[in-house]
Amino acid sequence: MTRTSIAQVAGVVFGRRRERVNVETSAPRRDTSAGRPSAGRPGKARWRWARRLLVAVAAFAVTATLFSLIYNAATAGRAREPAGLRFVTADGIRTRYRQWGGGDGPPVVLVHGFAESADTFDPLGRALAGRRRVYALDLTGWGYSRREGPYDADHQAAQVLGFLDALRLDHVTLVGHSTGAAVVAAATLRSPDRISRLVFLDGDGLNTGAGAGATGLQTALPPPYRTTLLRLAVRSDWLIRRIYESNCGPGCPRLDRAGVDQWRRPLQVAGAEDGIWHMTSIVGLPATRVAALAGVPISKAVVFGSADDVFARSSPYETAKRIGAPAPVLIPGARHLSFISNPGQVASAITGGGG
């Protein structure tokens, strides 16, 4: 073996030995604590995530509040009442009303429901106008009448009776739609001698049913946010049309821009928002008070759309039995706004087929 070969072999051998020594000396010392959890680490991780979440929530709250305040300030202007409205003072309340027809038949007074107005009754008013004087008023809290609480059935019933006084109406056919059924029920119980016929239209008059779970509206959200949400909803053409179509069905005419404004503007006039926030519940009466109508000796009728999904399918029959009315009249295919989709049929049911 040559010197060169010996040197090469020695280099390889001693080089490997040095590598082994280097590897052995550079190997990390075994951590005797391995396998044991480090005290406090999971808690610190959870706290970091909680802190990040709190920061994100706080940032969102600040952003939402700023948006709400800026949006509310930008939309603070209130709508004006349309020109040419008619008003009377009813039970001390400046009350807006509409009138159709001029026949010599018994007068008909139409009382609207939640979020409606006298304008809602235009198709029905025209259908009834052939032989009747027809009136519709804006209940306080809605439409263009002055807002004056409390917004309950008894207060609004007093307004209705004051309306009869102001226009010198007696022996009227009194029609209440939806929650308006409770108002006409309370008015009839208070002054039965002034009512010749009582009609519940798409409503049962109770403080349950369509109104169940609606209490506490004014405390659902703090003021800046609830105002923002209400204005966003009211300013949405799509949402107004969607609610209308859902309650009216395919038989109703589509809302054009003027139709949307007819539903929207009463919610944008001065005092409208404040009135809504002071409504503590949907208007209704206890079942015992509604049942007291069975003892009132006047003509009665219950009229419902057959496809009304606001109330249970049994509601028309139960309501007729409760107030002492004949079997209910069901308008085929109609939903909750039956008087818009089928005004002629509803008019005939209101008058008892007598015109």
Protein backbone atom coordinates (compact mmCIF):
# COMPACT_ATOMS: atom_id res chain seq x y z
CA MET A 1 0.00 0.00 0.00
CA THR A 2 1.47 3.31 -1.03
CA ARG A 3 1.84 6.28 1.30
CA THR A 4 -0.87 8.03 -0.61
CA SER A 5 -3.22 5.09 -0.13
CA ILE A 6 -2.41 4.89 3.57
CA ALA A 7 -3.10 8.61 3.93
CA GLN A 8 -6.40 8.28 2.09
CA VAL A 9 -7.51 5.36 4.26
CA ALA A 10 -6.45 7.16 7.41
CA GLY A 11 -8.29 10.25 6.27
CA VAL A 12 -11.45 8.30 5.66
CA VAL A 13 -11.27 6.43 8.99
CA PHE A 14 -10.38 9.40 11.12
CA GLY A 15 -12.76 11.62 9.15
CA ARG A 16 -15.66 9.27 9.90
CA ARG A 17 -14.59 9.14 13.53
CA ARG A 18 -14.56 12.93 13.66
CA GLU A 19 -17.99 13.03 12.00
CA ARG A 20 -19.29 10.53 14.56
CA VAL A 21 -17.81 12.55 17.40
CA ASN A 22 -19.24 15.75 15.95
CA VAL A 23 -22.67 14.18 15.56
CA GLU A 24 -22.58 12.76 19.05
CA THR A 25 -21.37 15.99 20.62
CA SER A 26 -23.88 18.11 18.63
CA ALA A 27 -26.90 15.92 19.43
CA PRO A 28 -29.35 17.81 21.67
CA ARG A 29 -29.57 16.80 25.26
CA ARG A 30 -32.71 14.88 25.99
CA ASP A 31 -35.42 17.08 27.43
CA THR A 32 -36.55 15.29 30.55
CA SER A 33 -39.63 17.47 30.58
CA ALA A 34 -40.86 16.14 27.19
CA GLY A 35 -44.32 14.66 27.36
CA ARG A 36 -45.36 16.93 30.21
CA PRO A 37 -47.60 19.90 29.28
CA SER A 38 -46.11 23.31 29.80
CA ALA A 39 -47.99 25.05 32.58
CA GLY A 40 -50.12 28.02 31.46
CA ARG A 41 -49.70 27.69 27.68
CA PRO A 42 -53.32 26.63 26.80
CA GLY A 43 -54.70 29.37 29.03
CA LYS A 44 -52.51 31.99 27.37
CA ALA A 45 -53.63 30.80 23.91
CA ARG A 46 -57.28 31.02 24.88
CA TRP A 47 -56.78 34.48 26.31
CA ARG A 48 -55.07 35.63 23.07
CA TRP A 49 -58.05 34.39 21.02
CA ALA A 50 -60.55 35.93 23.45
CA ARG A 51 -58.71 39.24 23.29
CA ARG A 52 -58.71 39.17 19.50
CA LEU A 53 -62.43 38.38 19.51
CA LEU A 54 -63.15 41.24 21.90
CA VAL A 55 -61.15 43.61 19.74
CA ALA A 56 -63.05 42.46 16.61
CA VAL A 57 -66.43 42.84 18.34
CA ALA A 58 -65.50 46.28 19.63
CA ALA A 59 -64.33 47.35 16.17
CA PHE A 60 -67.57 46.09 14.63
CA ALA A 61 -69.64 47.87 17.27
CA VAL A 62 -67.83 51.15 16.70
CA THR A 63 -68.17 50.81 12.92
CA ALA A 64 -71.87 49.90 13.15
CA THR A 65 -72.55 52.77 15.52
CA LEU A 66 -70.78 55.29 13.31
CA PHE A 67 -72.62 54.01 10.25
CA SER A 68 -75.94 54.14 12.13
CA LEU A 69 -75.41 57.69 13.37
CA ILE A 70 -74.24 58.95 9.97
CA TYR A 71 -77.08 57.16 8.12
CA ASN A 72 -79.71 58.43 10.56
CA ALA A 73 -78.44 61.99 10.18
CA ALA A 74 -78.45 61.69 6.39
CA THR A 75 -82.04 60.37 6.34
CA ALA A 76 -83.46 62.60 9.08
CA GLY A 77 -85.69 64.54 6.68
CA ARG A 78 -89.37 63.61 6.95
CA ALA A 79 -91.85 63.17 4.10
CA ARG A 80 -94.68 65.64 3.62
CA GLU A 81 -98.34 64.72 3.63
CA PRO A 82 -99.84 64.50 0.12
CA ALA A 83 -101.87 67.52 -0.92
CA GLY A 84 -105.64 67.49 -0.71
CA LEU A 85 -106.12 65.18 2.29
CA ARG A 86 -109.36 65.39 4.28
CA PHE A 87 -109.36 65.63 8.07
CA VAL A 88 -111.82 65.77 10.95
CA THR A 89 -111.30 65.83 14.68
CA ALA A 90 -112.30 62.48 16.17
CA ASP A 91 -112.09 62.06 19.95
CA GLY A 92 -109.62 64.95 20.00
CA ILE A 93 -107.39 63.40 17.31
CA ARG A 94 -106.77 65.05 13.96
CA THR A 95 -108.01 62.18 11.80
CA ARG A 96 -107.48 61.76 8.10
CA TYR A 97 -110.19 59.94 6.13
CA ARG A 98 -111.33 59.04 2.63
CA GLN A 99 -114.82 58.80 1.15
CA TRP A 100 -116.28 56.98 -1.85
CA GLY A 101 -119.78 56.97 -3.34
CA GLY A 102 -122.89 58.86 -2.36
CA GLY A 103 -125.71 56.37 -2.40
CA ASP A 104 -128.58 56.37 0.08
CA GLY A 105 -127.82 52.91 1.48
CA PRO A 106 -126.48 52.41 5.00
CA PRO A 107 -122.99 53.93 5.35
CA VAL A 108 -119.98 51.63 5.50
CA VAL A 109 -116.97 52.50 7.65
CA LEU A 110 -113.72 50.64 6.93
CA VAL A 111 -111.08 50.28 9.65
CA HIS A 112 -107.61 49.15 8.59
CA GLY A 113 -105.07 46.89 10.26
CA PHE A 114 -101.39 46.94 11.15
CA ALA A 115 -99.18 49.18 8.95
CA GLU A 116 -102.14 49.99 6.66
CA SER A 117 -104.06 53.20 5.99
CA ALA A 118 -107.31 54.42 4.49
CA ASP A 119 -105.63 54.32 1.07
CA THR A 120 -105.30 50.55 1.37
CA PHE A 121 -109.07 50.29 0.97
CA ASP A 122 -109.28 52.09 -2.38
CA PRO A 123 -110.25 48.99 -4.46
CA LEU A 124 -112.89 47.98 -1.90
CA GLY A 125 -114.18 51.52 -1.47
CA ARG A 126 -114.79 51.82 -5.20
CA ALA A 127 -116.45 48.38 -5.29
CA LEU A 128 -118.87 49.40 -2.51
CA ALA A 129 -119.52 52.91 -3.78
CA GLY A 130 -122.34 52.05 -6.20
CA ARG A 131 -125.12 52.23 -3.60
CA ARG A 132 -123.30 53.10 -0.38
CA ARG A 133 -121.50 55.98 1.22
CA VAL A 134 -118.16 54.47 2.13
CA TYR A 135 -115.64 55.91 4.57
CA ALA A 136 -112.18 54.84 5.72
CA LEU A 137 -110.10 56.55 8.39
CA ASP A 138 -106.45 56.42 9.41
CA LEU A 139 -106.19 55.07 12.93
CA THR A 140 -103.84 56.98 15.19
CA GLY A 141 -100.37 55.50 14.85
CA TRP A 142 -100.77 54.91 11.11
CA GLY A 143 -101.49 56.82 7.93
CA TYR A 144 -101.68 60.59 8.24
CA SER A 145 -103.69 60.95 11.42
CA ARG A 146 -101.93 62.54 14.37
CA ARG A 147 -99.95 60.09 16.48
CA GLU A 148 -101.38 59.91 19.98
CA GLY A 149 -101.03 56.88 22.24
CA PRO A 150 -101.80 54.56 23.77
CA TYR A 151 -102.00 52.52 20.60
CA ASP A 152 -104.48 49.91 21.75
CA ALA A 153 -107.93 48.71 20.71
CA ASP A 154 -109.87 50.83 23.21
CA HIS A 155 -108.14 54.09 22.34
CA GLN A 156 -108.55 53.50 18.62
CA ALA A 157 -112.18 52.44 19.15
CA ALA A 158 -112.82 55.78 20.83
CA GLN A 159 -111.33 57.45 17.73
CA VAL A 160 -113.68 55.44 15.48
CA LEU A 161 -116.74 56.44 17.53
CA GLY A 162 -115.52 60.05 17.50
CA PHE A 163 -115.27 59.76 13.73
CA LEU A 164 -118.92 58.67 13.58
CA ASP A 165 -119.79 61.71 15.72
CA ALA A 166 -117.81 64.09 13.52
CA LEU A 167 -119.54 62.93 10.32
CA ARG A 168 -122.91 62.28 12.02
CA LEU A 169 -123.02 58.64 11.03
CA ASP A 170 -125.32 56.11 12.65
CA HIS A 171 -126.51 52.58 11.93
CA VAL A 172 -123.31 51.90 10.05
CA THR A 173 -121.81 48.72 8.67
CA LEU A 174 -118.50 48.62 10.54
CA VAL A 175 -115.72 46.61 8.91
CA GLY A 176 -112.37 45.85 10.56
CA HIS A 177 -109.50 44.32 8.63
CA SER A 178 -106.87 42.18 10.39
CA THR A 179 -106.01 43.91 13.70
CA GLY A 180 -108.76 46.40 12.87
CA ALA A 181 -111.19 43.63 13.83
CA ALA A 182 -110.29 44.23 17.49
CA VAL A 183 -110.92 47.96 17.08
CA VAL A 184 -114.39 47.53 15.57
CA ALA A 185 -115.17 44.89 18.21
CA ALA A 186 -114.31 47.33 21.01
CA ALA A 187 -116.31 50.12 19.32
CA THR A 188 -119.35 47.85 18.91
CA LEU A 189 -119.24 46.71 22.53
CA ARG A 190 -119.09 50.33 23.65
CA SER A 191 -121.89 51.66 21.41
CA PRO A 192 -123.87 48.74 19.92
CA ASP A 193 -126.85 50.96 19.09
CA ARG A 194 -124.79 52.83 16.47
CA ILE A 195 -123.78 49.71 14.55
CA SER A 196 -126.21 47.86 12.27
CA ARG A 197 -123.77 45.27 10.92
CA LEU A 198 -120.32 44.17 12.10
CA VAL A 199 -117.80 42.52 9.77
CA PHE A 200 -114.51 40.89 10.71
CA LEU A 201 -112.37 40.86 7.55
CA ASP A 202 -109.24 38.66 7.60
CA GLY A 203 -109.03 39.06 11.38
CA ASP A 204 -110.15 37.41 14.61
CA GLY A 205 -109.96 40.40 16.98
CA LEU A 206 -107.81 38.52 19.49
CA ASN A 207 -104.61 39.58 21.20
CA THR A 208 -103.04 36.32 20.04
CA GLY A 209 -102.79 34.81 16.57
CA ALA A 210 -101.22 37.34 14.19
CA GLY A 211 -100.07 39.39 17.16
CA ALA A 212 -98.49 36.61 19.23
CA GLY A 213 -94.93 37.35 20.34
CA ALA A 214 -94.95 40.93 19.07
CA THR A 215 -94.60 42.67 22.43
CA GLY A 216 -91.57 44.71 23.39
CA LEU A 217 -90.96 46.11 19.92
CA GLN A 218 -89.63 49.40 21.30
CA THR A 219 -86.95 47.62 23.40
CA ALA A 220 -85.75 45.10 20.82
CA LEU A 221 -82.81 47.30 19.77
CA PRO A 222 -81.16 50.47 21.10
CA PRO A 223 -82.42 53.67 19.41
CA PRO A 224 -79.68 54.31 16.82
CA TYR A 225 -79.81 50.80 15.39
CA ARG A 226 -83.57 50.30 15.37
CA THR A 227 -84.02 53.62 13.58
CA THR A 228 -81.46 52.61 10.98
CA LEU A 229 -83.06 49.20 10.39
CA LEU A 230 -86.54 50.71 10.12
CA ARG A 231 -85.42 53.32 7.61
CA LEU A 232 -83.49 50.78 5.55
CA ALA A 233 -86.61 48.60 5.41
CA VAL A 234 -88.99 51.45 4.60
CA ARG A 235 -86.73 52.81 1.87
CA SER A 236 -86.47 49.40 0.15
CA ASP A 237 -88.85 49.12 -2.82
CA TRP A 238 -87.99 45.42 -3.06
CA LEU A 239 -88.96 44.68 0.54
CA ILE A 240 -92.25 46.60 0.34
CA ARG A 241 -93.19 44.76 -2.85
CA ARG A 242 -92.15 41.44 -1.32
CA ILE A 243 -94.33 41.90 1.77
CA TYR A 244 -97.24 43.10 -0.36
CA GLU A 245 -96.99 40.16 -2.76
CA SER A 246 -96.68 37.68 0.09
CA ASN A 247 -99.85 38.97 1.76
CA CYS A 248 -101.81 39.68 -1.40
CA GLY A 249 -100.97 36.83 -3.75
CA PRO A 250 -100.95 36.53 -7.54
CA GLY A 251 -104.44 38.00 -7.85
CA CYS A 252 -103.28 41.46 -6.82
CA PRO A 253 -102.00 44.13 -9.20
CA ARG A 254 -98.25 44.69 -9.04
CA LEU A 255 -97.18 47.75 -7.11
CA ASP A 256 -95.85 50.52 -9.35
CA ARG A 257 -93.82 53.42 -7.98
CA ALA A 258 -96.95 55.26 -6.84
CA GLY A 259 -98.21 52.10 -5.13
CA VAL A 260 -94.96 51.66 -3.23
CA ASP A 261 -95.10 55.30 -2.15
CA GLN A 262 -98.68 54.80 -0.92
CA TRP A 263 -97.44 52.17 1.54
CA ARG A 264 -94.14 53.88 2.35
CA ARG A 265 -94.92 57.57 2.84
CA PRO A 266 -97.13 57.23 5.95
CA LEU A 267 -94.15 55.60 7.66
CA GLN A 268 -91.89 58.54 6.80
CA VAL A 269 -93.96 61.51 7.99
CA ALA A 270 -93.14 63.39 11.16
CA GLY A 271 -93.99 61.39 14.27
CA ALA A 272 -94.34 58.05 12.50
CA GLU A 273 -91.19 56.46 13.89
CA ASP A 274 -91.86 57.67 17.43
CA GLY A 275 -95.36 56.22 17.21
CA ILE A 276 -94.04 52.82 16.15
CA TRP A 277 -91.55 52.67 19.01
CA HIS A 278 -94.35 53.39 21.49
CA MET A 279 -96.49 50.49 20.29
CA THR A 280 -96.12 47.84 22.97
CA SER A 281 -98.00 45.10 21.12
CA ILE A 282 -100.13 44.23 18.13
CA VAL A 283 -103.69 45.47 18.70
CA GLY A 284 -106.08 42.81 20.01
CA LEU A 285 -108.61 41.93 22.71
CA PRO A 286 -108.88 39.02 25.15
CA ALA A 287 -111.07 36.17 23.93
CA THR A 288 -113.66 36.86 26.64
CA ARG A 289 -114.25 40.39 25.38
CA VAL A 290 -114.50 39.28 21.76
CA ALA A 291 -116.94 36.56 22.80
CA ALA A 292 -119.17 39.22 24.40
CA LEU A 293 -120.16 40.21 20.86
CA ALA A 294 -122.28 37.06 20.69
CA GLY A 295 -124.73 38.79 23.00
CA VAL A 296 -125.02 41.91 20.84
CA PRO A 297 -128.19 41.62 18.68
CA ILE A 298 -126.87 42.95 15.37
CA SER A 299 -126.03 41.43 12.01
CA LYS A 300 -122.50 39.98 11.86
CA ALA A 301 -120.21 38.44 9.29
CA VAL A 302 -116.75 36.89 9.17
CA VAL A 303 -114.90 37.09 5.84
CA PHE A 304 -111.50 35.51 5.16
CA GLY A 305 -109.33 34.71 2.19
CA SER A 306 -109.25 30.92 1.87
CA ALA A 307 -105.46 31.00 1.46
CA ASP A 308 -104.79 33.47 4.30
CA ASP A 309 -101.64 32.13 5.99
CA VAL A 310 -101.46 34.81 8.68
CA PHE A 311 -104.12 32.94 10.66
CA ALA A 312 -104.75 29.23 11.19
CA ARG A 313 -107.14 27.54 8.76
CA SER A 314 -109.58 27.05 11.65
CA SER A 315 -109.65 30.74 12.60
CA PRO A 316 -112.58 31.80 10.35
CA TYR A 317 -114.84 29.10 11.80
CA GLU A 318 -113.75 29.66 15.39
CA THR A 319 -114.18 33.41 15.02
CA ALA A 320 -117.69 33.13 13.57
CA LYS A 321 -118.71 30.84 16.41
CA ARG A 322 -117.12 33.11 19.02
CA ILE A 323 -118.96 36.29 17.97
CA GLY A 324 -122.27 34.64 17.08
CA ALA A 325 -122.00 35.08 13.31
CA PRO A 326 -123.17 32.71 10.56
CA ALA A 327 -120.67 30.42 8.86
CA PRO A 328 -117.72 32.42 7.53
CA VAL A 329 -117.48 33.57 3.93
CA LEU A 330 -114.26 32.31 2.35
CA ILE A 331 -112.92 34.09 -0.72
CA PRO A 332 -111.41 31.37 -2.96
CA GLY A 333 -107.64 31.67 -3.40
CA ALA A 334 -107.41 35.02 -1.60
CA ARG A 335 -104.74 35.69 1.01
CA HIS A 336 -104.56 38.24 3.84
CA LEU A 337 -105.33 41.25 1.62
CA SER A 338 -108.46 39.68 0.16
CA PHE A 339 -110.13 43.06 -0.38
CA ILE A 340 -107.36 44.06 -2.81
CA SER A 341 -107.24 40.81 -4.78
CA ASN A 342 -111.03 40.25 -4.78
CA PRO A 343 -112.76 43.56 -3.99
CA GLY A 344 -116.05 42.64 -5.68
CA GLN A 345 -116.49 39.41 -3.75
CA VAL A 346 -115.52 41.03 -0.46
CA ALA A 347 -117.94 43.91 -1.11
CA SER A 348 -120.76 41.45 -1.68
CA ALA A 349 -119.91 39.62 1.56
CA ILE A 350 -119.83 42.90 3.51
CA THR A 351 -123.27 43.97 2.33
CA GLY A 352 -124.70 40.49 2.69
CA GLY A 353 -125.31 40.35 -1.04
CA GLY A 354 -127.77 43.18 -0.83
CA GLY A 355 -125.73 45.76 -2.68
